[in-house]
Amino acid sequence: MNNTTLLLHGKVAIVTGASRSIGAAIAKRLAADGASVAITYHASPDKADAVVGEIAAAGGNAIAIQADSGDPEAVRAAVARVAATFGRIDILVNNAGISVLGAPEEIALEDFQRILAVNVTGVFVATQEALRHMGQGGRIIHIGSSMVRYAAFGTASAYTLSKGAVAGFARGLVRDLGPRGITVNTVHPGPTDSDMNPADGPVADFVRPNIAVGRYGEGADIAAAVAYLASPQASFVTGAELLVDGGFTA
């Protein structure tokens, strides 16, 4: 296939929190579809460099930028660097996220504030800044969680609150940005093998029997959904909440 026939040829994408797991899979898929990709990372420079190296080895174009998604100034600086490097931003994937599990009466306020800083404020700031460089045909894609539809186990209420806020933010953005030709959608991963929720982790044996297809998801499963929403084929799709969960919430 000629590069100019790739669906995202000539596009510029940012994927936050993409040094590993789902974020890395999304970055590699968007690059494979022709986009120039900037990834942000917090504390894993070696892993971020490995993602960039893999994209480059496959003939793609990528850069890595250190930026804590819970630090608004770092997020602003990262987005500004992407715009300065590539001239514009076409696709923003708000993937960075953290989770702190615990009974709601026992979660430290500092931990709760950190969840909000990364999962909510970071999403708002990245979106706000990217919009300054995004034009007609732009794509904003939030990574939510199937937990906002089905709370499969206890101790995740703070995390679920933050992801519910992201889904609500997306719905509001649809009305704000539709007249500008920018679509906004949310992908809700179900149980997906990742550093945050490994397929052999502490809740896996409880969760897996409830997944209709009988397996944990993989990063590539989420990346495929994001790639569709980022593509020209999804120009009439906005305000969608796409569950990619193997039937977990069915």
Protein backbone atom coordinates (compact mmCIF):
# COMPACT_ATOMS: atom_id res chain seq x y z
CA MET A 1 0.00 0.00 0.00
CA ASN A 2 1.31 3.44 -0.91
CA ASN A 3 1.66 5.74 2.09
CA THR A 4 -0.66 8.30 0.51
CA THR A 5 -3.50 5.78 0.54
CA LEU A 6 -3.33 5.27 4.31
CA LEU A 7 -6.43 6.60 6.06
CA LEU A 8 -4.48 8.93 8.34
CA HIS A 9 -1.78 10.01 5.90
CA GLY A 10 -0.71 13.57 6.66
CA LYS A 11 -2.52 13.72 10.00
CA VAL A 12 -0.92 14.66 13.33
CA ALA A 13 -1.99 12.82 16.47
CA ILE A 14 -1.28 13.15 20.18
CA VAL A 15 -1.76 10.15 22.45
CA THR A 16 -1.34 10.91 26.14
CA GLY A 17 0.12 8.35 28.48
CA ALA A 18 1.34 6.19 25.62
CA SER A 19 4.60 4.69 26.78
CA ARG A 20 2.94 1.36 27.55
CA SER A 21 -0.18 -0.80 27.47
CA ILE A 22 -3.28 0.57 25.72
CA GLY A 23 -1.70 3.95 24.95
CA ALA A 24 1.29 2.39 23.23
CA ALA A 25 -0.97 0.16 21.14
CA ILE A 26 -3.03 3.18 20.07
CA ALA A 27 0.05 5.18 19.12
CA LYS A 28 1.46 2.34 17.03
CA ARG A 29 -1.87 1.76 15.26
CA LEU A 30 -2.35 5.45 14.38
CA ALA A 31 1.21 5.57 13.06
CA ALA A 32 0.60 2.41 11.02
CA ASP A 33 -2.42 4.16 9.50
CA GLY A 34 -0.21 7.05 8.38
CA ALA A 35 -0.36 9.65 11.16
CA SER A 36 2.63 11.42 12.67
CA VAL A 37 2.28 10.64 16.36
CA ALA A 38 3.40 12.43 19.51
CA ILE A 39 3.19 10.43 22.72
CA THR A 40 3.42 11.75 26.24
CA TYR A 41 4.73 9.85 29.22
CA HIS A 42 5.26 10.56 32.89
CA ALA A 43 8.06 8.41 34.26
CA SER A 44 8.99 5.74 31.70
CA PRO A 45 11.45 7.31 29.22
CA ASP A 46 12.91 3.97 28.15
CA LYS A 47 9.47 2.56 27.36
CA ALA A 48 8.47 5.74 25.52
CA ASP A 49 11.65 5.63 23.45
CA ALA A 50 10.94 1.98 22.65
CA VAL A 51 7.49 2.88 21.31
CA VAL A 52 8.96 5.67 19.17
CA GLY A 53 11.68 3.31 17.95
CA GLU A 54 9.17 0.64 16.98
CA ILE A 55 7.12 3.19 15.03
CA ALA A 56 10.24 4.48 13.27
CA ALA A 57 11.38 0.96 12.42
CA ALA A 58 8.04 0.38 10.71
CA GLY A 59 8.50 3.52 8.62
CA GLY A 60 6.41 5.86 10.77
CA ASN A 61 7.06 9.21 12.39
CA ALA A 62 6.83 9.71 16.15
CA ILE A 63 8.19 11.74 19.03
CA ALA A 64 7.98 11.29 22.81
CA ILE A 65 7.45 14.15 25.26
CA GLN A 66 7.80 13.90 29.02
CA ALA A 67 4.68 15.41 30.57
CA ASP A 68 2.83 14.47 33.75
CA SER A 69 -0.85 14.56 32.76
CA GLY A 70 -1.66 15.71 36.28
CA ASP A 71 0.41 18.89 35.80
CA PRO A 72 -1.52 21.44 33.69
CA GLU A 73 1.58 23.43 32.77
CA ALA A 74 3.37 20.29 31.58
CA VAL A 75 0.35 19.34 29.48
CA ARG A 76 0.18 22.82 27.94
CA ALA A 77 3.88 22.74 27.12
CA ALA A 78 3.60 19.29 25.53
CA VAL A 79 0.72 20.30 23.27
CA ALA A 80 2.53 23.50 22.28
CA ARG A 81 5.60 21.47 21.37
CA VAL A 82 3.57 19.15 19.15
CA ALA A 83 1.99 22.09 17.35
CA ALA A 84 5.37 23.75 16.89
CA THR A 85 6.95 20.55 15.59
CA PHE A 86 4.21 19.45 13.19
CA GLY A 87 2.35 22.68 12.49
CA ARG A 88 -1.06 21.57 13.70
CA ILE A 89 -2.98 18.88 15.58
CA ASP A 90 -5.65 16.73 13.94
CA ILE A 91 -6.26 13.97 16.49
CA LEU A 92 -6.16 14.00 20.28
CA VAL A 93 -6.47 10.73 22.19
CA ASN A 94 -6.88 11.38 25.91
CA ASN A 95 -5.59 8.05 27.16
CA ALA A 96 -3.53 8.87 30.26
CA GLY A 97 -5.17 7.63 33.41
CA ILE A 98 -4.49 6.23 36.85
CA SER A 99 -6.47 4.24 39.38
CA VAL A 100 -6.37 4.01 43.15
CA LEU A 101 -8.50 1.23 44.58
CA GLY A 102 -9.98 1.18 48.04
CA ALA A 103 -13.11 1.53 50.10
CA PRO A 104 -14.46 5.05 49.58
CA GLU A 105 -14.16 5.91 53.27
CA GLU A 106 -10.50 4.87 53.27
CA ILE A 107 -9.11 6.52 50.12
CA ALA A 108 -6.80 9.36 51.09
CA LEU A 109 -7.90 12.76 49.85
CA GLU A 110 -4.47 13.25 48.28
CA ASP A 111 -4.94 10.07 46.24
CA PHE A 112 -8.41 11.16 45.15
CA GLN A 113 -7.12 14.56 44.11
CA ARG A 114 -4.37 12.89 42.09
CA ILE A 115 -6.96 10.75 40.26
CA LEU A 116 -8.92 13.89 39.38
CA ALA A 117 -5.75 15.74 38.35
CA VAL A 118 -4.75 13.07 35.83
CA ASN A 119 -8.08 11.59 34.73
CA VAL A 120 -10.20 14.75 34.62
CA THR A 121 -8.16 17.97 34.75
CA GLY A 122 -5.51 16.51 32.47
CA VAL A 123 -8.17 15.59 29.91
CA PHE A 124 -9.69 19.07 30.06
CA VAL A 125 -6.37 20.88 29.69
CA ALA A 126 -5.11 18.66 26.86
CA THR A 127 -8.39 19.17 25.02
CA GLN A 128 -8.43 22.92 25.62
CA GLU A 129 -4.89 23.33 24.34
CA ALA A 130 -5.23 20.97 21.37
CA LEU A 131 -8.31 22.85 20.17
CA ARG A 132 -6.17 25.94 19.65
CA HIS A 133 -4.43 24.04 16.84
CA MET A 134 -7.26 21.85 15.51
CA GLY A 135 -9.41 22.64 12.51
CA GLN A 136 -12.17 21.14 10.39
CA GLY A 137 -12.13 17.36 10.48
CA GLY A 138 -10.45 17.19 13.88
CA ARG A 139 -10.95 14.20 16.14
CA ILE A 140 -11.02 14.04 19.93
CA ILE A 141 -11.22 10.57 21.45
CA HIS A 142 -11.39 9.95 25.19
CA ILE A 143 -10.49 6.63 26.76
CA GLY A 144 -13.10 5.93 29.42
CA SER A 145 -13.95 2.65 31.11
CA SER A 146 -16.71 0.06 30.99
CA MET A 147 -16.93 0.60 34.75
CA VAL A 148 -19.13 3.64 34.07
CA ARG A 149 -21.71 1.18 32.66
CA TYR A 150 -21.17 -1.80 34.94
CA ALA A 151 -19.31 -1.63 38.24
CA ALA A 152 -18.05 -5.20 38.24
CA PHE A 153 -16.40 -5.11 41.67
CA GLY A 154 -15.98 -2.87 44.68
CA THR A 155 -13.14 -0.50 45.61
CA ALA A 156 -13.17 1.36 42.26
CA SER A 157 -15.67 4.13 43.01
CA ALA A 158 -13.16 6.99 42.82
CA TYR A 159 -11.81 5.75 39.49
CA THR A 160 -15.32 5.26 38.14
CA LEU A 161 -16.26 8.80 39.18
CA SER A 162 -13.38 10.20 37.17
CA LYS A 163 -14.22 8.21 34.05
CA GLY A 164 -17.88 9.16 34.32
CA ALA A 165 -16.79 12.79 34.31
CA VAL A 166 -14.83 12.22 31.11
CA ALA A 167 -17.86 10.70 29.37
CA GLY A 168 -19.99 13.65 30.42
CA PHE A 169 -17.35 16.10 29.20
CA ALA A 170 -17.40 14.41 25.80
CA ARG A 171 -21.14 14.82 25.46
CA GLY A 172 -20.87 18.54 26.18
CA LEU A 173 -18.02 18.95 23.71
CA VAL A 174 -20.11 17.42 20.94
CA ARG A 175 -22.37 20.50 20.93
CA ASP A 176 -19.48 22.93 21.30
CA LEU A 177 -17.38 21.49 18.51
CA GLY A 178 -19.86 20.08 16.01
CA PRO A 179 -20.18 23.44 14.22
CA ARG A 180 -16.40 23.42 13.81
CA GLY A 181 -16.44 20.01 12.14
CA ILE A 182 -14.68 18.33 15.06
CA THR A 183 -16.01 15.02 16.36
CA VAL A 184 -15.78 13.86 19.97
CA ASN A 185 -16.21 10.24 21.05
CA THR A 186 -15.42 8.02 24.02
CA VAL A 187 -14.08 4.48 23.91
CA HIS A 188 -14.87 2.44 27.02
CA PRO A 189 -12.46 -0.49 27.32
CA GLY A 190 -13.62 -3.52 29.23
CA PRO A 191 -11.16 -5.83 31.00
CA THR A 192 -8.02 -5.30 28.94
CA ASP A 193 -4.60 -6.79 29.65
CA SER A 194 -2.53 -3.81 30.77
CA ASP A 195 -0.22 -2.65 33.53
CA MET A 196 -3.26 -1.30 35.39
CA ASN A 197 -5.37 -4.44 34.94
CA PRO A 198 -3.24 -7.46 33.99
CA ALA A 199 -4.94 -10.57 32.68
CA ASP A 200 -3.36 -12.49 35.57
CA GLY A 201 -4.03 -9.77 38.15
CA PRO A 202 -5.93 -9.90 41.45
CA VAL A 203 -9.42 -9.47 39.95
CA ALA A 204 -8.86 -11.49 36.77
CA ASP A 205 -10.30 -14.79 38.00
CA PHE A 206 -13.45 -13.00 39.13
CA VAL A 207 -13.81 -10.88 36.00
CA ARG A 208 -12.94 -13.32 33.20
CA PRO A 209 -16.03 -15.59 33.53
CA ASN A 210 -18.22 -12.53 32.86
CA ILE A 211 -16.50 -11.67 29.56
CA ALA A 212 -18.73 -13.11 26.84
CA VAL A 213 -15.89 -13.88 24.42
CA GLY A 214 -13.96 -15.64 27.17
CA ARG A 215 -10.76 -13.61 27.17
CA TYR A 216 -9.29 -10.35 28.31
CA GLY A 217 -8.98 -7.67 25.65
CA GLU A 218 -5.65 -6.64 24.19
CA GLY A 219 -4.32 -3.18 23.47
CA ALA A 220 -4.81 -3.79 19.76
CA ASP A 221 -8.55 -4.28 20.32
CA ILE A 222 -8.88 -0.81 21.81
CA ALA A 223 -6.52 0.68 19.24
CA ALA A 224 -8.69 -0.62 16.39
CA ALA A 225 -11.71 1.23 17.75
CA VAL A 226 -9.72 4.42 18.20
CA ALA A 227 -8.32 4.15 14.68
CA TYR A 228 -11.83 3.93 13.24
CA LEU A 229 -13.04 6.96 15.19
CA ALA A 230 -9.94 8.91 14.11
CA SER A 231 -10.46 8.09 10.44
CA PRO A 232 -12.45 9.87 7.72
CA GLN A 233 -14.84 6.91 7.79
CA ALA A 234 -16.17 8.16 11.14
CA SER A 235 -16.93 11.71 10.04
CA PHE A 236 -20.63 11.29 10.99
CA VAL A 237 -19.91 9.64 14.33
CA THR A 238 -19.82 12.03 17.28
CA GLY A 239 -21.10 11.74 20.82
CA ALA A 240 -20.73 7.97 20.71
CA GLU A 241 -19.69 5.87 23.68
CA LEU A 242 -18.19 2.74 22.17
CA LEU A 243 -17.91 -0.23 24.50
CA VAL A 244 -14.97 -2.44 23.57
CA ASP A 245 -15.38 -5.04 26.26
CA GLY A 246 -15.95 -8.49 24.79
CA GLY A 247 -19.55 -8.43 25.92
CA PHE A 248 -18.61 -7.79 29.56
CA THR A 249 -21.42 -5.26 30.06
CA ALA A 250 -23.99 -6.98 27.83
